[in-house]
Amino acid sequence: MRKCLALALTALLVLSLAACGQQTDNAGNAESEVTETEEPEVAADTDSESADADLLIRQTEYGPVQGQAGDGIGIWYAVPYGAAPVGELRWTPPQNPETWTEPLDCASPGAMAYQMASGEAAGTEDCLNLDIYAPDNAENLPVLVFLHGGNNQTGNTRELIGSELVINGDDRLNDGQTCVFVTLNYRLGIFGFNCLPALHTEENSTGNYAMLDVAKALDWVKNNIAEFGGNPDNITISGFSAGGRDVMAMLVSPLFAGKFQKAIAFSGGMTIADTDDSVSAIAAAVAPLAVEDGKAEDETAAKAWLMTDGEDVKEWLYGVSSERLCALMGNAGIRMSVFPHLYNDGIVFPKEGFDTSDYNSVPLIMLTGSTEFSFFDYGDAFWDSDEASALDEDDLQAAKDFANAYGSDMYRIFNAQCSAEKMYGNYDANIYICQVNYGGADSAYTIAPFGAFHGIFVPLLSSENNYSGLYDFSEPAYQELSAIFNRYLQNFLSNGDPNNGRMPNWSPWTPENPVSLILDAKPDQEPVIEYLSCEDVSTTYADIIARMEADESVSEDGKKLAIANVMNGRWFSDALDEYYGNPSLWK
């Protein structure tokens, strides 16, 4: 029974973070076949503009694209911003796509980047494309660019549907057009991140290929988004989970200086991988393939060979099939040691990582849920191991709940508070923090057992999402929170300040006033907007560990198993691993 539950939870997590490609959007449901019709004879230029509007044809620097008409919006799917990174281009900076002259059909969702899905390799390496959502007659609107989650190994542009983001319905506080929304596909897994030395024998070569893809996509947005009604000088970069961490990493990258004017990190936090450690871990992961192909007698020798910069290593790597490479380093579970990426190579990211004093300072929102670790904890395969099975049923559940409670507390401060504390002295723009408590154990609206989970913000922005099976997000209190947050978002996208004088004040975070906007609802205190406020919900890793030590709700055996096998080695667990002496997971 426990094994079935764990498998179900793991599947839910994968679906939540990576399988949004199976969704359809509201505009798509209302789609009708677009055909050319006879128009009265008028001046040639007027006729052309009318036809283009009807067909949703827009001109890009590489060629025209034809989109899909929705209810008050247009959508263009899988618009190319780079050439297919295949063959000799597999591990190179993204190149321009070949130009075209006839309108490219962009009326249907494209394939996702190559990745593992349900245990099988899926998608395509020809993945350098983006989706655009724009209101009808959009002109000079703010642009919101979104990076999906999935540990930089899985995911696609369908994680966040933009239909409701760009034009809001009558049931929301904000009305009219809000933004042009762009969401990106880019190289994932070892195709997007590979720092093995044989691939980097030339000066200024980097293994952060996915970040080069994102940089090229942002250049495309700058050069082309005006055709879709967006303001190329008002771009906000945003992302969820891995995408949020990528956004945070862009704030220290010289490559991204000037490419965006504002930033939003949903469940992001600061993670940079040491390049030397990453070379060792990737070589260990690839070594079995080299042994299979007769390049070495055993994995130790294969790893040593893969860590050299020989042309023979490079030639072999380029010859390995996509399917074999795709399967490597799966199930990373927010552990950098399993799949190292975002390398501090001194090229895309500084050697000192987030200890730099040189940030790309732009107005920044960081959002977290209060129960961020629930999916990762309850779905962890360790709970089906023989060690965990030695606990009785009650103690096993207590151990899971222990890991969820304290892992979530660590994960939420990692996502926002700790980043603000590190950045503040060298960051020359306002930082705003938001915490969603709705659904958590202390909320009047609980979402058992997951609480205010990793991704709790997604239904705030789109009623079409992968979390509808967890909870009825049409609940009026949640919908009011959605309307409120969207008003803050609209203000922020417009000018970098979420406040407009009519909403409860969202104070910037400072060391002297370390507050977060708290999103929650209370049935006896409606409407929500009348009591929404900022609160100081900060804590420290030391305080969390002290509470863990004093917790008697779980046996010592259960506590030790949770700490050493479920909470260990995660983005947020450096202080925990040091205190409890957990061994390093790096190879």
Protein backbone atom coordinates (compact mmCIF):
# COMPACT_ATOMS: atom_id res chain seq x y z
CA MET A 1 0.00 0.00 0.00
CA ARG A 2 2.77 2.41 0.96
CA LYS A 3 4.60 1.61 -2.27
CA CYS A 4 1.48 2.40 -4.33
CA LEU A 5 1.06 5.70 -2.51
CA ALA A 6 4.70 6.64 -3.09
CA LEU A 7 4.44 5.78 -6.77
CA ALA A 8 1.27 7.83 -7.08
CA LEU A 9 2.88 10.79 -5.36
CA THR A 10 5.98 10.55 -7.53
CA ALA A 11 3.81 10.44 -10.64
CA LEU A 12 1.89 13.47 -9.41
CA LEU A 13 5.11 15.40 -8.88
CA VAL A 14 6.39 14.54 -12.34
CA LEU A 15 3.09 15.56 -13.88
CA SER A 16 3.01 18.78 -11.91
CA LEU A 17 6.48 19.88 -12.93
CA ALA A 18 6.98 18.42 -16.37
CA ALA A 19 3.98 16.97 -18.18
CA CYS A 20 2.00 20.07 -18.93
CA GLY A 21 2.36 19.31 -22.62
CA GLN A 22 -0.78 17.17 -22.34
CA GLN A 23 -2.92 20.21 -21.53
CA THR A 24 -5.05 22.22 -23.90
CA ASP A 25 -5.72 25.88 -23.37
CA ASN A 26 -8.97 27.80 -23.18
CA ALA A 27 -8.31 29.61 -26.41
CA GLY A 28 -7.67 26.30 -28.14
CA ASN A 29 -11.03 24.92 -27.05
CA ALA A 30 -12.72 27.83 -28.78
CA GLU A 31 -10.64 27.59 -31.93
CA SER A 32 -12.41 27.61 -35.26
CA GLU A 33 -10.89 26.90 -38.65
CA VAL A 34 -9.27 30.02 -40.09
CA THR A 35 -9.99 30.56 -43.75
CA GLU A 36 -9.47 33.37 -46.18
CA THR A 37 -12.62 35.23 -47.14
CA GLU A 38 -13.38 37.72 -49.90
CA GLU A 39 -13.02 41.32 -48.73
CA PRO A 40 -14.35 44.47 -50.42
CA GLU A 41 -11.79 46.18 -52.59
CA VAL A 42 -10.04 48.83 -50.53
CA ALA A 43 -6.62 50.37 -50.48
CA ALA A 44 -4.00 47.64 -50.80
CA ASP A 45 -2.25 48.33 -47.49
CA THR A 46 -5.55 48.30 -45.51
CA ASP A 47 -6.59 45.03 -47.14
CA SER A 48 -3.24 43.48 -46.26
CA GLU A 49 -3.43 44.60 -42.64
CA SER A 50 -6.96 43.22 -42.31
CA ALA A 51 -5.99 39.87 -43.78
CA ASP A 52 -2.97 39.63 -41.52
CA ALA A 53 -5.13 40.35 -38.48
CA ASP A 54 -7.66 37.69 -39.46
CA LEU A 55 -4.97 35.11 -40.05
CA LEU A 56 -2.89 36.14 -37.04
CA ILE A 57 0.20 36.51 -39.18
CA ARG A 58 3.10 38.38 -37.64
CA GLN A 59 6.50 39.06 -39.14
CA THR A 60 9.64 37.96 -37.23
CA GLU A 61 13.28 38.53 -38.11
CA TYR A 62 13.47 34.99 -39.54
CA GLY A 63 10.10 34.87 -41.31
CA PRO A 64 6.32 35.24 -40.87
CA VAL A 65 4.38 33.13 -38.36
CA GLN A 66 0.68 32.33 -38.28
CA GLY A 67 -1.02 31.77 -34.92
CA GLN A 68 -4.30 30.68 -33.43
CA ALA A 69 -7.24 32.96 -32.62
CA GLY A 70 -8.79 32.64 -29.18
CA ASP A 71 -11.33 34.55 -27.09
CA GLY A 72 -9.85 38.03 -27.25
CA ILE A 73 -6.30 36.77 -27.67
CA GLY A 74 -3.89 35.35 -30.21
CA ILE A 75 -1.49 32.47 -29.56
CA TRP A 76 1.61 31.55 -31.54
CA TYR A 77 3.10 28.18 -30.62
CA ALA A 78 6.61 26.83 -31.19
CA VAL A 79 8.01 29.95 -32.85
CA PRO A 80 11.68 29.21 -33.65
CA TYR A 81 14.33 31.40 -32.04
CA GLY A 82 17.28 29.13 -32.81
CA ALA A 83 18.41 26.38 -35.15
CA ALA A 84 17.98 22.75 -34.15
CA PRO A 85 20.95 21.94 -31.82
CA VAL A 86 21.59 18.55 -33.43
CA GLY A 87 24.52 16.86 -35.15
CA GLU A 88 27.54 19.15 -35.05
CA LEU A 89 25.45 21.73 -33.15
CA ARG A 90 24.57 19.36 -30.25
CA TRP A 91 26.84 21.05 -27.67
CA THR A 92 27.45 24.47 -29.18
CA PRO A 93 25.97 27.93 -28.56
CA PRO A 94 22.57 28.29 -30.26
CA GLN A 95 22.66 29.41 -33.87
CA ASN A 96 20.15 31.39 -35.93
CA PRO A 97 17.47 29.30 -37.62
CA GLU A 98 17.27 29.27 -41.39
CA THR A 99 14.96 31.99 -42.66
CA TRP A 100 11.64 31.28 -44.36
CA THR A 101 9.28 33.29 -46.57
CA GLU A 102 5.86 31.60 -46.36
CA PRO A 103 3.91 31.89 -43.06
CA LEU A 104 5.01 29.20 -40.63
CA ASP A 105 2.10 27.30 -39.07
CA CYS A 106 2.30 28.09 -35.34
CA ALA A 107 -1.36 27.37 -34.54
CA SER A 108 -0.75 24.14 -32.57
CA PRO A 109 1.51 23.32 -29.60
CA GLY A 110 4.91 22.01 -30.60
CA ALA A 111 6.95 19.11 -29.25
CA MET A 112 8.77 19.51 -25.94
CA ALA A 113 12.54 19.36 -25.53
CA TYR A 114 14.04 15.86 -25.40
CA GLN A 115 13.52 14.36 -21.93
CA MET A 116 12.41 11.32 -20.00
CA ALA A 117 8.62 11.09 -19.58
CA SER A 118 6.94 8.11 -17.90
CA GLY A 119 10.17 6.16 -18.18
CA GLU A 120 10.55 6.73 -21.92
CA ALA A 121 12.58 9.21 -23.96
CA ALA A 122 10.23 11.76 -25.50
CA GLY A 123 10.31 15.08 -27.30
CA THR A 124 12.88 16.41 -29.72
CA GLU A 125 16.33 17.97 -29.73
CA ASP A 126 14.91 20.53 -32.17
CA CYS A 127 13.50 22.48 -29.23
CA LEU A 128 14.64 26.10 -29.49
CA ASN A 129 11.19 27.64 -29.75
CA LEU A 130 8.75 29.71 -27.74
CA ASP A 131 5.01 30.30 -27.31
CA ILE A 132 3.47 33.78 -27.34
CA TYR A 133 0.10 34.87 -25.93
CA ALA A 134 -1.10 38.40 -26.70
CA PRO A 135 -4.41 40.24 -26.32
CA ASP A 136 -6.16 41.33 -29.48
CA ASN A 137 -5.00 44.79 -30.57
CA ALA A 138 -2.14 44.72 -28.05
CA GLU A 139 0.23 47.66 -28.26
CA ASN A 140 3.34 48.41 -26.21
CA LEU A 141 2.31 46.09 -23.34
CA PRO A 142 4.72 44.80 -20.67
CA VAL A 143 6.27 41.45 -21.59
CA LEU A 144 6.40 38.51 -19.17
CA VAL A 145 8.82 35.71 -20.14
CA PHE A 146 8.44 32.41 -18.24
CA LEU A 147 10.82 29.46 -17.71
CA HIS A 148 9.19 26.16 -16.76
CA GLY A 149 10.24 23.90 -13.89
CA GLY A 150 11.42 20.30 -13.95
CA ASN A 151 14.96 20.42 -12.50
CA ASN A 152 16.26 21.59 -15.91
CA GLN A 153 15.71 17.98 -16.98
CA THR A 154 12.00 17.88 -17.84
CA GLY A 155 9.14 20.28 -18.57
CA ASN A 156 7.80 22.40 -21.39
CA THR A 157 6.01 25.61 -22.28
CA ARG A 158 2.60 24.20 -21.31
CA GLU A 159 3.36 24.35 -17.58
CA LEU A 160 1.77 27.79 -17.33
CA ILE A 161 -1.00 28.59 -19.81
CA GLY A 162 -1.03 32.29 -20.65
CA SER A 163 -4.61 32.76 -21.84
CA GLU A 164 -5.85 34.31 -18.58
CA LEU A 165 -2.63 36.14 -17.83
CA VAL A 166 -2.81 38.43 -20.81
CA ILE A 167 -6.46 39.44 -20.55
CA ASN A 168 -8.51 39.14 -17.39
CA GLY A 169 -12.16 38.23 -16.99
CA ASP A 170 -14.90 40.26 -15.26
CA ASP A 171 -14.47 38.32 -12.01
CA ARG A 172 -11.01 39.77 -11.38
CA LEU A 173 -10.05 43.03 -9.73
CA ASN A 174 -7.92 44.05 -12.67
CA ASP A 175 -9.50 44.44 -16.06
CA GLY A 176 -8.37 44.89 -19.62
CA GLN A 177 -5.03 43.97 -21.14
CA THR A 178 -2.16 43.13 -18.81
CA CYS A 179 0.85 41.84 -20.76
CA VAL A 180 2.23 39.80 -23.61
CA PHE A 181 3.23 36.38 -22.25
CA VAL A 182 6.12 34.36 -23.67
CA THR A 183 7.13 30.90 -22.46
CA LEU A 184 10.26 29.08 -23.62
CA ASN A 185 11.50 25.65 -24.58
CA TYR A 186 15.27 25.13 -24.32
CA ARG A 187 17.75 22.28 -24.08
CA LEU A 188 17.32 20.05 -21.01
CA GLY A 189 19.34 17.46 -19.15
CA ILE A 190 22.78 16.64 -20.45
CA PHE A 191 21.90 18.36 -23.74
CA GLY A 192 21.48 21.64 -21.86
CA PHE A 193 24.25 21.24 -19.30
CA ASN A 194 27.51 19.40 -19.94
CA CYS A 195 30.89 20.61 -18.68
CA LEU A 196 33.07 17.60 -19.61
CA PRO A 197 36.50 19.03 -20.60
CA ALA A 198 36.60 17.50 -24.09
CA LEU A 199 33.74 19.80 -25.11
CA HIS A 200 35.53 22.91 -23.86
CA THR A 201 39.01 23.09 -25.30
CA GLU A 202 38.45 26.55 -26.76
CA GLU A 203 38.64 29.77 -24.77
CA ASN A 204 35.37 31.03 -23.23
CA SER A 205 33.57 27.78 -23.94
CA THR A 206 30.80 26.98 -21.46
CA GLY A 207 28.69 23.95 -20.62
CA ASN A 208 25.71 26.07 -19.59
CA TYR A 209 24.04 25.56 -22.97
CA ALA A 210 20.48 25.95 -21.68
CA MET A 211 21.35 29.39 -20.35
CA LEU A 212 22.82 30.33 -23.74
CA ASP A 213 19.48 29.24 -25.21
CA VAL A 214 17.55 31.46 -22.78
CA ALA A 215 19.84 34.41 -23.56
CA LYS A 216 19.21 33.94 -27.28
CA ALA A 217 15.47 33.70 -26.66
CA LEU A 218 15.54 36.97 -24.72
CA ASP A 219 17.37 38.59 -27.63
CA TRP A 220 14.63 37.28 -29.92
CA VAL A 221 11.98 38.79 -27.64
CA LYS A 222 13.80 42.12 -27.64
CA ASN A 223 14.01 42.15 -31.45
CA ASN A 224 10.55 40.80 -32.31
CA ILE A 225 8.00 41.21 -29.54
CA ALA A 226 6.77 44.63 -30.76
CA GLU A 227 5.17 42.76 -33.70
CA PHE A 228 2.96 41.00 -31.14
CA GLY A 229 2.10 44.13 -29.15
CA GLY A 230 4.83 43.91 -26.52
CA ASN A 231 7.21 46.60 -25.29
CA PRO A 232 10.79 45.44 -25.98
CA ASP A 233 12.05 47.82 -23.29
CA ASN A 234 9.81 46.38 -20.55
CA ILE A 235 10.65 42.70 -20.20
CA THR A 236 10.20 40.71 -16.97
CA ILE A 237 11.98 37.36 -16.73
CA SER A 238 10.24 34.79 -14.52
CA GLY A 239 10.35 31.09 -13.79
CA PHE A 240 9.16 28.31 -11.49
CA SER A 241 11.32 25.85 -9.54
CA ALA A 242 14.29 25.12 -11.84
CA GLY A 243 13.12 28.07 -13.93
CA GLY A 244 13.07 30.21 -10.80
CA ARG A 245 16.59 29.12 -9.91
CA ASP A 246 17.66 29.95 -13.46
CA VAL A 247 16.19 33.43 -12.99
CA MET A 248 18.12 33.90 -9.75
CA ALA A 249 21.29 32.72 -11.50
CA MET A 250 20.73 35.29 -14.26
CA LEU A 251 20.98 38.01 -11.63
CA VAL A 252 24.69 37.19 -11.20
CA SER A 253 25.45 36.46 -14.86
CA PRO A 254 27.25 39.06 -17.00
CA LEU A 255 25.69 37.35 -20.03
CA PHE A 256 22.23 38.57 -18.98
CA ALA A 257 23.09 42.18 -18.15
CA GLY A 258 20.48 44.45 -19.73
CA LYS A 259 18.37 41.63 -21.18
CA PHE A 260 15.42 42.21 -18.80
CA GLN A 261 14.08 45.03 -16.63
CA LYS A 262 12.40 43.04 -13.82
CA ALA A 263 12.49 39.51 -12.43
CA ILE A 264 10.16 37.06 -10.63
CA ALA A 265 11.38 33.79 -9.08
CA PHE A 266 8.63 31.36 -8.13
CA SER A 267 10.12 28.79 -5.72
CA GLY A 268 13.62 29.56 -6.96
CA GLY A 269 16.51 30.12 -4.58
CA MET A 270 20.25 30.29 -5.11
CA THR A 271 22.05 27.26 -6.54
CA ILE A 272 25.35 27.19 -8.41
CA ALA A 273 27.32 24.01 -9.10
CA ASP A 274 31.09 23.83 -8.74
CA THR A 275 32.51 23.03 -12.17
CA ASP A 276 35.15 20.57 -10.99
CA ASP A 277 32.65 18.63 -8.86
CA SER A 278 30.26 18.64 -11.78
CA VAL A 279 32.84 17.20 -14.19
CA SER A 280 33.39 14.29 -11.81
CA ALA A 281 29.67 13.63 -11.31
CA ILE A 282 28.82 13.80 -15.02
CA ALA A 283 31.75 11.56 -15.96
CA ALA A 284 30.56 9.01 -13.40
CA ALA A 285 27.05 9.11 -14.88
CA VAL A 286 28.26 8.71 -18.48
CA ALA A 287 30.91 6.08 -17.68
CA PRO A 288 28.62 3.03 -18.01
CA LEU A 289 27.87 4.01 -21.62
CA ALA A 290 31.58 4.24 -22.38
CA VAL A 291 32.12 0.76 -20.94
CA GLU A 292 29.23 -0.58 -23.04
CA ASP A 293 30.92 0.86 -26.13
CA GLY A 294 34.31 -0.63 -25.27
CA LYS A 295 36.06 2.66 -24.48
CA ALA A 296 37.30 1.34 -21.12
CA GLU A 297 37.39 -1.92 -19.20
CA ASP A 298 35.48 -0.68 -16.18
CA GLU A 299 33.62 2.40 -14.96
CA THR A 300 36.58 3.73 -12.97
CA ALA A 301 38.74 3.78 -16.08
CA ALA A 302 35.87 5.16 -18.16
CA LYS A 303 35.33 8.00 -15.73
CA ALA A 304 39.02 8.92 -15.84
CA TRP A 305 38.95 8.88 -19.65
CA LEU A 306 35.83 11.06 -19.77
CA MET A 307 37.50 13.64 -17.55
CA THR A 308 40.23 14.24 -20.14
CA ASP A 309 40.04 16.80 -22.93
CA GLY A 310 40.94 14.45 -25.76
CA GLU A 311 39.41 14.72 -29.21
CA ASP A 312 38.56 11.01 -28.95
CA VAL A 313 36.28 11.73 -25.99
CA LYS A 314 34.53 14.52 -27.87
CA GLU A 315 34.06 12.40 -30.98
CA TRP A 316 32.57 9.56 -28.95
CA LEU A 317 30.22 11.88 -27.02
CA TYR A 318 28.85 13.32 -30.25
CA GLY A 319 28.24 9.80 -31.54
CA VAL A 320 26.19 8.58 -28.55
CA SER A 321 22.49 8.39 -29.38
CA SER A 322 20.12 10.95 -27.92
CA GLU A 323 18.03 8.22 -26.29
CA ARG A 324 20.97 6.80 -24.32
CA LEU A 325 22.08 10.24 -23.15
CA CYS A 326 18.57 11.30 -22.23
CA ALA A 327 18.19 8.52 -19.66
CA LEU A 328 21.19 9.64 -17.60
CA MET A 329 20.95 11.34 -14.19
CA GLY A 330 17.20 10.99 -13.78
CA ASN A 331 15.16 11.34 -10.58
CA ALA A 332 17.37 14.13 -9.29
CA GLY A 333 14.73 15.24 -6.77
CA ILE A 334 16.12 18.75 -6.10
CA ARG A 335 19.61 17.34 -5.53
CA MET A 336 22.35 19.09 -7.49
CA SER A 337 24.73 16.14 -6.96
CA VAL A 338 22.53 13.86 -9.08
CA PHE A 339 22.31 16.25 -12.05
CA PRO A 340 24.86 19.09 -11.80
CA HIS A 341 23.98 22.25 -13.73
CA LEU A 342 24.41 26.04 -13.55
CA TYR A 343 28.21 25.74 -13.45
CA ASN A 344 30.36 28.49 -11.93
CA ASP A 345 32.60 28.44 -14.99
CA GLY A 346 33.64 32.10 -14.84
CA ILE A 347 31.97 32.64 -18.20
CA VAL A 348 28.19 32.49 -17.86
CA PHE A 349 28.32 32.59 -14.06
CA PRO A 350 31.10 34.00 -11.88
CA LYS A 351 33.45 31.65 -10.05
CA GLU A 352 32.22 33.04 -6.74
CA GLY A 353 28.58 32.41 -7.67
CA PHE A 354 26.11 34.28 -5.48
CA ASP A 355 28.93 35.60 -3.29
CA THR A 356 29.54 38.16 -6.01
CA SER A 357 29.14 41.86 -5.35
CA ASP A 358 28.05 42.49 -8.95
CA TYR A 359 24.34 41.76 -9.47
CA ASN A 360 22.09 42.58 -12.39
CA SER A 361 19.94 44.67 -10.05
CA VAL A 362 16.33 44.89 -11.22
CA PRO A 363 13.09 44.98 -9.20
CA LEU A 364 12.62 41.43 -7.95
CA ILE A 365 9.73 39.34 -6.57
CA MET A 366 10.49 36.03 -4.86
CA LEU A 367 7.50 33.80 -4.04
CA THR A 368 7.35 30.61 -2.02
CA GLY A 369 4.72 28.30 -0.59
CA SER A 370 4.84 27.42 3.09
CA THR A 371 4.88 23.63 2.43
CA GLU A 372 7.38 23.45 -0.44
CA PHE A 373 8.84 20.03 0.46
CA SER A 374 5.62 17.99 0.58
CA PHE A 375 5.73 16.47 -2.92
CA PHE A 376 9.41 15.59 -2.61
CA ASP A 377 9.01 14.09 0.86
CA TYR A 378 5.85 12.03 0.52
CA GLY A 379 6.90 10.80 -2.93
CA ASP A 380 10.45 9.85 -1.95
CA ALA A 381 11.31 6.25 -2.87
CA PHE A 382 13.23 5.81 0.40
CA TRP A 383 9.96 5.39 2.28
CA ASP A 384 9.50 2.05 0.48
CA SER A 385 12.96 0.77 1.40
CA ASP A 386 13.67 -2.05 3.82
CA GLU A 387 15.09 0.44 6.31
CA ALA A 388 11.91 2.50 6.35
CA SER A 389 9.73 -0.63 6.45
CA ALA A 390 11.32 -1.54 9.79
CA LEU A 391 9.31 1.31 11.35
CA ASP A 392 5.74 0.56 12.42
CA GLU A 393 2.99 2.26 10.45
CA ASP A 394 2.41 5.12 12.88
CA ASP A 395 6.10 5.89 13.27
CA LEU A 396 6.64 5.75 9.52
CA GLN A 397 3.90 8.34 9.01
CA ALA A 398 5.36 10.45 11.83
CA ALA A 399 8.79 10.32 10.14
CA LYS A 400 7.28 11.45 6.83
CA ASP A 401 5.42 14.29 8.53
CA PHE A 402 8.59 15.28 10.40
CA ALA A 403 10.55 15.53 7.13
CA ASN A 404 7.74 17.47 5.48
CA ALA A 405 7.37 20.00 8.31
CA TYR A 406 11.02 20.86 8.76
CA GLY A 407 12.09 20.29 5.16
CA SER A 408 9.35 22.69 4.05
CA ASP A 409 10.44 25.29 6.59
CA MET A 410 14.00 25.08 5.26
CA TYR A 411 12.89 25.06 1.62
CA ARG A 412 10.64 28.13 2.00
CA ILE A 413 13.39 30.30 3.53
CA PHE A 414 15.84 28.99 0.94
CA ASN A 415 13.48 30.12 -1.84
CA ALA A 416 13.22 33.71 -0.69
CA GLN A 417 14.46 34.93 2.71
CA CYS A 418 17.99 33.51 2.46
CA SER A 419 18.42 34.94 -1.03
CA ALA A 420 17.29 38.38 0.13
CA GLU A 421 19.71 38.26 3.06
CA LYS A 422 22.64 37.37 0.81
CA MET A 423 21.84 39.87 -1.94
CA TYR A 424 20.72 42.90 -0.02
CA GLY A 425 24.02 44.68 0.58
CA ASN A 426 24.99 44.55 -3.11
CA TYR A 427 21.57 44.76 -4.76
CA ASP A 428 20.46 48.16 -6.00
CA ALA A 429 16.75 47.54 -6.55
CA ASN A 430 13.73 46.66 -4.42
CA ILE A 431 13.17 43.05 -3.38
CA TYR A 432 9.63 41.86 -2.63
CA ILE A 433 8.82 38.53 -0.96
CA CYS A 434 5.48 36.71 -1.11
CA GLN A 435 4.54 33.57 0.83
CA VAL A 436 1.43 31.52 0.06
CA ASN A 437 0.03 30.00 3.25
CA TYR A 438 -3.29 29.02 1.65
CA GLY A 439 -3.59 25.24 1.91
CA GLY A 440 -1.06 24.89 4.71
CA ALA A 441 -1.59 23.24 8.07
CA ASP A 442 -2.29 26.57 9.77
CA SER A 443 -4.67 27.81 7.07
CA ALA A 444 -8.45 27.63 7.36
CA TYR A 445 -8.35 26.20 3.83
CA THR A 446 -6.14 23.12 4.11
CA ILE A 447 -5.00 21.02 1.17
CA ALA A 448 -4.20 17.69 2.81
CA PRO A 449 -1.62 16.23 2.83
CA PHE A 450 0.37 18.56 0.57
CA GLY A 451 -0.40 21.95 2.10
CA ALA A 452 0.82 25.11 0.34
CA PHE A 453 2.79 22.93 -2.04
CA HIS A 454 5.56 23.48 -4.58
CA GLY A 455 3.53 25.11 -7.37
CA ILE A 456 0.68 26.49 -5.23
CA PHE A 457 0.96 29.77 -7.14
CA VAL A 458 0.12 28.27 -10.56
CA PRO A 459 -3.69 28.20 -10.06
CA LEU A 460 -3.46 31.87 -9.08
CA LEU A 461 -2.40 32.65 -12.65
CA SER A 462 -4.29 30.05 -14.68
CA SER A 463 -7.47 28.10 -13.95
CA GLU A 464 -6.15 25.47 -16.35
CA ASN A 465 -3.38 23.63 -14.54
CA ASN A 466 -2.16 20.23 -13.37
CA TYR A 467 -3.20 20.65 -9.74
CA SER A 468 -6.99 20.53 -10.07
CA GLY A 469 -7.02 16.97 -8.72
CA LEU A 470 -5.62 18.14 -5.40
CA TYR A 471 -8.17 20.80 -4.54
CA ASP A 472 -11.10 22.80 -5.87
CA PHE A 473 -9.31 26.04 -6.70
CA SER A 474 -12.58 27.60 -7.82
CA GLU A 475 -13.21 28.17 -4.09
CA PRO A 476 -14.22 31.87 -3.82
CA ALA A 477 -11.53 32.71 -1.26
CA TYR A 478 -8.79 31.32 -3.50
CA GLN A 479 -10.24 33.15 -6.49
CA GLU A 480 -10.14 36.40 -4.55
CA LEU A 481 -6.51 35.74 -3.72
CA SER A 482 -5.96 35.13 -7.43
CA ALA A 483 -7.55 38.46 -8.34
CA ILE A 484 -5.47 40.28 -5.73
CA PHE A 485 -2.20 38.68 -6.78
CA ASN A 486 -2.90 39.39 -10.44
CA ARG A 487 -3.43 43.07 -9.63
CA TYR A 488 -0.08 43.18 -7.82
CA LEU A 489 1.49 41.36 -10.77
CA GLN A 490 0.04 43.77 -13.30
CA ASN A 491 1.41 46.73 -11.36
CA PHE A 492 4.83 45.11 -11.06
CA LEU A 493 5.01 44.26 -14.76
CA SER A 494 4.14 47.83 -15.62
CA ASN A 495 6.66 49.71 -13.50
CA GLY A 496 8.51 47.41 -11.09
CA ASP A 497 6.35 48.28 -8.06
CA PRO A 498 3.45 45.94 -7.13
CA ASN A 499 1.65 48.73 -5.25
CA ASN A 500 -0.83 51.18 -6.75
CA GLY A 501 -2.26 52.99 -3.72
CA ARG A 502 -5.53 51.04 -3.79
CA MET A 503 -4.23 47.64 -2.62
CA PRO A 504 -2.88 46.67 0.82
CA ASN A 505 0.73 47.86 0.87
CA TRP A 506 3.34 45.29 -0.12
CA SER A 507 6.50 46.50 1.57
CA PRO A 508 9.93 45.78 0.09
CA TRP A 509 12.05 43.37 2.10
CA THR A 510 14.88 44.93 4.10
CA PRO A 511 16.97 43.59 7.01
CA GLU A 512 15.24 46.13 9.24
CA ASN A 513 11.77 45.18 7.93
CA PRO A 514 12.08 41.54 6.76
CA VAL A 515 8.46 41.06 5.75
CA SER A 516 6.61 38.93 3.24
CA LEU A 517 3.19 39.48 1.70
CA ILE A 518 1.13 36.58 3.08
CA LEU A 519 -1.52 35.09 0.80
CA ASP A 520 -4.15 33.27 2.85
CA ALA A 521 -7.87 33.47 3.58
CA LYS A 522 -10.09 33.23 6.66
CA PRO A 523 -13.76 32.27 6.31
CA ASP A 524 -14.86 34.65 9.06
CA GLN A 525 -12.93 37.60 7.65
CA GLU A 526 -14.14 38.07 4.11
CA PRO A 527 -13.34 39.81 1.85
CA VAL A 528 -9.70 38.77 1.79
CA ILE A 529 -8.43 42.15 0.63
CA GLU A 530 -9.54 43.83 3.86
CA TYR A 531 -7.04 41.99 6.05
CA LEU A 532 -4.24 41.07 3.65
CA SER A 533 -0.91 42.24 5.10
CA CYS A 534 2.83 41.79 5.25
CA GLU A 535 4.30 39.76 8.11
CA ASP A 536 7.74 38.80 9.37
CA VAL A 537 7.84 35.01 8.88
CA SER A 538 11.63 34.75 8.88
CA THR A 539 13.58 32.16 10.83
CA THR A 540 17.02 30.55 10.65
CA TYR A 541 18.35 27.10 9.86
CA ALA A 542 19.71 26.98 13.41
CA ASP A 543 16.27 27.62 14.86
CA ILE A 544 14.71 24.97 12.61
CA ILE A 545 17.33 22.41 13.63
CA ALA A 546 16.78 23.25 17.30
CA ARG A 547 13.05 22.55 16.87
CA MET A 548 13.88 19.29 15.09
CA GLU A 549 16.05 18.23 18.01
CA ALA A 550 13.27 18.99 20.51
CA ASP A 551 10.50 17.31 18.47
CA GLU A 552 9.17 14.21 20.26
CA SER A 553 6.37 13.45 17.78
CA VAL A 554 8.57 10.87 16.06
CA SER A 555 10.91 8.16 17.32
CA GLU A 556 14.64 8.76 17.26
CA ASP A 557 14.97 6.00 14.64
CA GLY A 558 12.36 7.63 12.42
CA LYS A 559 13.95 11.03 12.88
CA LYS A 560 17.41 9.73 11.94
CA LEU A 561 16.11 7.98 8.83
CA ALA A 562 14.31 11.12 7.64
CA ILE A 563 17.34 13.35 8.21
CA ALA A 564 19.90 11.00 6.64
CA ASN A 565 17.89 9.76 3.66
CA VAL A 566 15.07 12.14 2.73
CA MET A 567 16.06 15.64 3.84
CA ASN A 568 19.74 15.25 2.96
CA GLY A 569 21.58 16.60 -0.05
CA ARG A 570 18.74 18.90 -1.18
CA TRP A 571 19.06 22.51 -2.39
CA PHE A 572 18.25 23.73 1.11
CA SER A 573 20.05 21.19 3.29
CA ASP A 574 23.66 22.41 3.61
CA ALA A 575 23.22 23.48 7.24
CA LEU A 576 21.32 20.30 8.10
CA ASP A 577 23.91 18.04 6.43
CA GLU A 578 26.74 19.78 8.25
CA TYR A 579 25.04 19.63 11.65
CA TYR A 580 24.11 15.95 11.38
CA GLY A 581 27.23 14.85 9.53
CA ASN A 582 25.40 13.55 6.46
CA PRO A 583 27.91 12.31 3.88
CA SER A 584 28.26 14.18 0.60
CA LEU A 585 26.29 12.75 -2.33
CA TRP A 586 28.75 14.13 -4.90
CA LYS A 587 30.68 11.50 -6.87
